[in-house]
PDB file of N, CA and C in Angstrom:
ATOM      1  N   MET A   1      46.318 146.237 125.209  1.00  0.00           N
ATOM      2  CA  MET A   1      45.310 145.486 124.488  1.00  0.00           C
ATOM      3  C   MET A   1      45.923 144.941 123.206  1.00  0.00           C
ATOM      4  N   THR A   2      45.641 143.708 122.900  1.00  0.00           N
ATOM      5  CA  THR A   2      46.127 143.090 121.679  1.00  0.00           C
ATOM      6  C   THR A   2      44.978 142.950 120.703  1.00  0.00           C
ATOM      7  N   VAL A   3      45.178 143.362 119.482  1.00  0.00           N
ATOM      8  CA  VAL A   3      44.163 143.243 118.444  1.00  0.00           C
ATOM      9  C   VAL A   3      44.723 142.373 117.338  1.00  0.00           C
ATOM     10  N   VAL A   4      43.955 141.397 116.928  1.00  0.00           N
ATOM     11  CA  VAL A   4      44.372 140.522 115.840  1.00  0.00           C
ATOM     12  C   VAL A   4      43.779 141.085 114.558  1.00  0.00           C
ATOM     13  N   ILE A   5      44.636 141.453 113.633  1.00  0.00           N
ATOM     14  CA  ILE A   5      44.205 142.045 112.370  1.00  0.00           C
ATOM     15  C   ILE A   5      44.518 141.072 111.243  1.00  0.00           C
ATOM     16  N   ASP A   6      43.596 140.935 110.346  1.00  0.00           N
ATOM     17  CA  ASP A   6      43.786 140.069 109.184  1.00  0.00           C
ATOM     18  C   ASP A   6      44.998 140.555 108.408  1.00  0.00           C
ATOM     19  N   GLY A   7      45.741 139.648 107.843  1.00  0.00           N
ATOM     20  CA  GLY A   7      46.948 139.988 107.111  1.00  0.00           C
ATOM     21  C   GLY A   7      46.709 140.660 105.776  1.00  0.00           C
ATOM     22  N   LYS A   8      45.461 140.868 105.407  1.00  0.00           N
ATOM     23  CA  LYS A   8      45.156 141.484 104.116  1.00  0.00           C
ATOM     24  C   LYS A   8      45.392 142.984 104.181  1.00  0.00           C
ATOM     25  N   ILE A   9      46.277 143.473 103.340  1.00  0.00           N
ATOM     26  CA  ILE A   9      46.586 144.891 103.312  1.00  0.00           C
ATOM     27  C   ILE A   9      46.410 145.391 101.895  1.00  0.00           C
ATOM     28  N   GLU A  10      45.689 146.468 101.746  1.00  0.00           N
ATOM     29  CA  GLU A  10      45.442 147.046 100.434  1.00  0.00           C
ATOM     30  C   GLU A  10      45.811 148.513 100.490  1.00  0.00           C
ATOM     31  N   SER A  11      46.649 148.953  99.604  1.00  0.00           N
ATOM     32  CA  SER A  11      47.087 150.347  99.547  1.00  0.00           C
ATOM     33  C   SER A  11      47.628 150.819 100.897  1.00  0.00           C
ATOM     34  N   GLY A  12      48.322 149.945 101.582  1.00  0.00           N
ATOM     35  CA  GLY A  12      48.952 150.319 102.839  1.00  0.00           C
ATOM     36  C   GLY A  12      48.012 150.424 104.018  1.00  0.00           C
ATOM     37  N   GLY A  13      46.784 149.955 103.896  1.00  0.00           N
ATOM     38  CA  GLY A  13      45.846 150.085 105.001  1.00  0.00           C
ATOM     39  C   GLY A  13      45.175 148.768 105.356  1.00  0.00           C
ATOM     40  N   VAL A  14      44.781 148.640 106.593  1.00  0.00           N
ATOM     41  CA  VAL A  14      44.050 147.467 107.067  1.00  0.00           C
ATOM     42  C   VAL A  14      42.592 147.664 106.696  1.00  0.00           C
ATOM     43  N   TYR A  15      41.931 146.623 106.211  1.00  0.00           N
ATOM     44  CA  TYR A  15      40.532 146.779 105.852  1.00  0.00           C
ATOM     45  C   TYR A  15      39.633 145.703 106.443  1.00  0.00           C
ATOM     46  N   GLY A  16      40.139 144.901 107.350  1.00  0.00           N
ATOM     47  CA  GLY A  16      39.287 143.896 107.970  1.00  0.00           C
ATOM     48  C   GLY A  16      39.939 143.235 109.161  1.00  0.00           C
ATOM     49  N   VAL A  17      39.101 142.628 109.999  1.00  0.00           N
ATOM     50  CA  VAL A  17      39.554 141.900 111.181  1.00  0.00           C
ATOM     51  C   VAL A  17      39.299 140.420 110.934  1.00  0.00           C
ATOM     52  N   ASP A  18      40.246 139.585 111.248  1.00  0.00           N
ATOM     53  CA  ASP A  18      40.113 138.141 111.099  1.00  0.00           C
ATOM     54  C   ASP A  18      39.304 137.620 112.293  1.00  0.00           C
ATOM     55  N   PHE A  19      38.004 137.459 112.082  1.00  0.00           N
ATOM     56  CA  PHE A  19      37.115 137.059 113.172  1.00  0.00           C
ATOM     57  C   PHE A  19      37.510 135.716 113.773  1.00  0.00           C
ATOM     58  N   GLY A  20      37.892 134.775 112.924  1.00  0.00           N
ATOM     59  CA  GLY A  20      38.293 133.461 113.423  1.00  0.00           C
ATOM     60  C   GLY A  20      39.478 133.536 114.361  1.00  0.00           C
ATOM     61  N   ALA A  21      40.457 134.365 113.995  1.00  0.00           N
ATOM     62  CA  ALA A  21      41.640 134.525 114.847  1.00  0.00           C
ATOM     63  C   ALA A  21      41.281 135.199 116.166  1.00  0.00           C
ATOM     64  N   VAL A  22      40.418 136.200 116.103  1.00  0.00           N
ATOM     65  CA  VAL A  22      40.003 136.897 117.330  1.00  0.00           C
ATOM     66  C   VAL A  22      39.259 135.942 118.256  1.00  0.00           C
ATOM     67  N   LEU A  23      38.361 135.146 117.697  1.00  0.00           N
ATOM     68  CA  LEU A  23      37.602 134.207 118.530  1.00  0.00           C
ATOM     69  C   LEU A  23      38.498 133.105 119.091  1.00  0.00           C
ATOM     70  N   SER A  24      39.453 132.639 118.311  1.00  0.00           N
ATOM     71  CA  SER A  24      40.407 131.633 118.809  1.00  0.00           C
ATOM     72  C   SER A  24      41.262 132.201 119.931  1.00  0.00           C
ATOM     73  N   PHE A  25      41.703 133.436 119.762  1.00  0.00           N
ATOM     74  CA  PHE A  25      42.505 134.117 120.776  1.00  0.00           C
ATOM     75  C   PHE A  25      41.691 134.307 122.056  1.00  0.00           C
ATOM     76  N   THR A  26      40.444 134.702 121.895  1.00  0.00           N
ATOM     77  CA  THR A  26      39.556 134.887 123.053  1.00  0.00           C
ATOM     78  C   THR A  26      39.379 133.575 123.803  1.00  0.00           C
ATOM     79  N   GLU A  27      39.149 132.503 123.066  1.00  0.00           N
ATOM     80  CA  GLU A  27      38.979 131.190 123.685  1.00  0.00           C
ATOM     81  C   GLU A  27      40.255 130.748 124.409  1.00  0.00           C
ATOM     82  N   ALA A  28      41.403 130.969 123.777  1.00  0.00           N
ATOM     83  CA  ALA A  28      42.683 130.575 124.385  1.00  0.00           C
ATOM     84  C   ALA A  28      42.937 131.314 125.693  1.00  0.00           C
ATOM     85  N   LEU A  29      42.445 132.544 125.775  1.00  0.00           N
ATOM     86  CA  LEU A  29      42.621 133.328 126.997  1.00  0.00           C
ATOM     87  C   LEU A  29      41.523 133.059 128.025  1.00  0.00           C
ATOM     88  N   GLY A  30      40.575 132.202 127.675  1.00  0.00           N
ATOM     89  CA  GLY A  30      39.487 131.883 128.595  1.00  0.00           C
ATOM     90  C   GLY A  30      38.438 132.979 128.652  1.00  0.00           C
ATOM     91  N   GLY A  31      38.360 133.765 127.591  1.00  0.00           N
ATOM     92  CA  GLY A  31      37.410 134.877 127.552  1.00  0.00           C
ATOM     93  C   GLY A  31      36.030 134.451 127.088  1.00  0.00           C
ATOM     94  N   PRO A  32      35.096 135.377 127.115  1.00  0.00           N
ATOM     95  CA  PRO A  32      33.712 135.098 126.739  1.00  0.00           C
ATOM     96  C   PRO A  32      33.526 135.085 125.213  1.00  0.00           C
ATOM     97  N   VAL A  33      33.712 133.939 124.591  1.00  0.00           N
ATOM     98  CA  VAL A  33      33.682 133.813 123.134  1.00  0.00           C
ATOM     99  C   VAL A  33      32.333 134.260 122.569  1.00  0.00           C
ATOM    100  N   ALA A  34      31.231 133.854 123.189  1.00  0.00           N
ATOM    101  CA  ALA A  34      29.907 134.224 122.680  1.00  0.00           C
ATOM    102  C   ALA A  34      29.718 135.739 122.687  1.00  0.00           C
ATOM    103  N   LEU A  35      30.170 136.389 123.734  1.00  0.00           N
ATOM    104  CA  LEU A  35      30.044 137.848 123.829  1.00  0.00           C
ATOM    105  C   LEU A  35      30.900 138.533 122.766  1.00  0.00           C
ATOM    106  N   VAL A  36      32.124 138.087 122.601  1.00  0.00           N
ATOM    107  CA  VAL A  36      33.011 138.671 121.592  1.00  0.00           C
ATOM    108  C   VAL A  36      32.430 138.448 120.194  1.00  0.00           C
ATOM    109  N   ALA A  37      31.892 137.261 119.947  1.00  0.00           N
ATOM    110  CA  ALA A  37      31.289 136.969 118.643  1.00  0.00           C
ATOM    111  C   ALA A  37      30.108 137.891 118.366  1.00  0.00           C
ATOM    112  N   GLU A  38      29.385 138.241 119.390  1.00  0.00           N
ATOM    113  CA  GLU A  38      28.230 139.128 119.228  1.00  0.00           C
ATOM    114  C   GLU A  38      28.655 140.582 119.017  1.00  0.00           C
ATOM    115  N   LEU A  39      29.687 141.022 119.713  1.00  0.00           N
ATOM    116  CA  LEU A  39      30.093 142.426 119.660  1.00  0.00           C
ATOM    117  C   LEU A  39      31.076 142.757 118.542  1.00  0.00           C
ATOM    118  N   LEU A  40      31.849 141.790 118.095  1.00  0.00           N
ATOM    119  CA  LEU A  40      32.903 142.057 117.118  1.00  0.00           C
ATOM    120  C   LEU A  40      32.411 142.722 115.832  1.00  0.00           C
ATOM    121  N   PRO A  41      31.308 142.287 115.243  1.00  0.00           N
ATOM    122  CA  PRO A  41      30.851 142.970 114.020  1.00  0.00           C
ATOM    123  C   PRO A  41      30.556 144.457 114.242  1.00  0.00           C
ATOM    124  N   ALA A  42      30.078 144.799 115.418  1.00  0.00           N
ATOM    125  CA  ALA A  42      29.747 146.189 115.710  1.00  0.00           C
ATOM    126  C   ALA A  42      30.983 147.061 115.914  1.00  0.00           C
ATOM    127  N   ILE A  43      32.080 146.468 116.381  1.00  0.00           N
ATOM    128  CA  ILE A  43      33.269 147.281 116.664  1.00  0.00           C
ATOM    129  C   ILE A  43      34.368 147.128 115.614  1.00  0.00           C
ATOM    130  N   GLU A  44      34.139 146.286 114.604  1.00  0.00           N
ATOM    131  CA  GLU A  44      35.163 146.075 113.577  1.00  0.00           C
ATOM    132  C   GLU A  44      35.565 147.386 112.900  1.00  0.00           C
ATOM    133  N   ALA A  45      34.603 148.213 112.545  1.00  0.00           N
ATOM    134  CA  ALA A  45      34.917 149.473 111.863  1.00  0.00           C
ATOM    135  C   ALA A  45      35.796 150.369 112.726  1.00  0.00           C
ATOM    136  N   VAL A  46      35.549 150.388 114.022  1.00  0.00           N
ATOM    137  CA  VAL A  46      36.357 151.203 114.937  1.00  0.00           C
ATOM    138  C   VAL A  46      37.791 150.685 114.979  1.00  0.00           C
ATOM    139  N   ILE A  47      37.945 149.364 115.036  1.00  0.00           N
ATOM    140  CA  ILE A  47      39.281 148.766 115.066  1.00  0.00           C
ATOM    141  C   ILE A  47      40.039 149.099 113.781  1.00  0.00           C
ATOM    142  N   VAL A  48      39.385 148.923 112.642  1.00  0.00           N
ATOM    143  CA  VAL A  48      40.030 149.186 111.354  1.00  0.00           C
ATOM    144  C   VAL A  48      40.411 150.662 111.234  1.00  0.00           C
ATOM    145  N   ARG A  49      39.511 151.559 111.609  1.00  0.00           N
ATOM    146  CA  ARG A  49      39.810 153.002 111.550  1.00  0.00           C
ATOM    147  C   ARG A  49      41.002 153.363 112.423  1.00  0.00           C
ATOM    148  N   SER A  50      41.153 152.687 113.547  1.00  0.00           N
ATOM    149  CA  SER A  50      42.257 153.016 114.453  1.00  0.00           C
ATOM    150  C   SER A  50      43.617 152.686 113.845  1.00  0.00           C
ATOM    151  N   TYR A  51      43.650 151.812 112.843  1.00  0.00           N
ATOM    152  CA  TYR A  51      44.906 151.447 112.201  1.00  0.00           C
ATOM    153  C   TYR A  51      45.169 152.237 110.928  1.00  0.00           C
ATOM    154  N   ARG A  52      44.249 153.060 110.523  1.00  0.00           N
ATOM    155  CA  ARG A  52      44.435 153.886 109.321  1.00  0.00           C
ATOM    156  C   ARG A  52      45.201 155.140 109.684  1.00  0.00           C
ATOM    157  N   PRO A  53      46.058 155.610 108.797  1.00  0.00           N
ATOM    158  CA  PRO A  53      46.813 156.828 109.083  1.00  0.00           C
ATOM    159  C   PRO A  53      45.878 158.044 109.136  1.00  0.00           C
ATOM    160  N   ASP A  54      46.240 159.000 109.961  1.00  0.00           N
ATOM    161  CA  ASP A  54      45.473 160.246 110.084  1.00  0.00           C
ATOM    162  C   ASP A  54      45.694 161.092 108.839  1.00  0.00           C
ATOM    163  N   PRO A  55      44.621 161.392 108.088  1.00  0.00           N
ATOM    164  CA  PRO A  55      44.799 162.155 106.853  1.00  0.00           C
ATOM    165  C   PRO A  55      45.272 163.605 107.086  1.00  0.00           C
ATOM    166  N   GLU A  56      45.101 164.112 108.304  1.00  0.00           N
ATOM    167  CA  GLU A  56      45.518 165.471 108.617  1.00  0.00           C
ATOM    168  C   GLU A  56      46.940 165.554 109.134  1.00  0.00           C
ATOM    169  N   ALA A  57      47.585 164.396 109.302  1.00  0.00           N
ATOM    170  CA  ALA A  57      48.944 164.391 109.854  1.00  0.00           C
ATOM    171  C   ALA A  57      49.962 164.683 108.786  1.00  0.00           C
TER     172      ALA A  57
END
């Protein structure tokens, strides 16, 4: 799976997803842009958390 992450990095961590890039990528792949646009806000936090370092590691 490929995830497009906004280039903004603060204190070594990702804090947002570039929605425009994700939607453009979805369109280029022939994917369901309307569905991704609807679901992306709900899953953004999960995507961002997955790129944060594990504090217990």
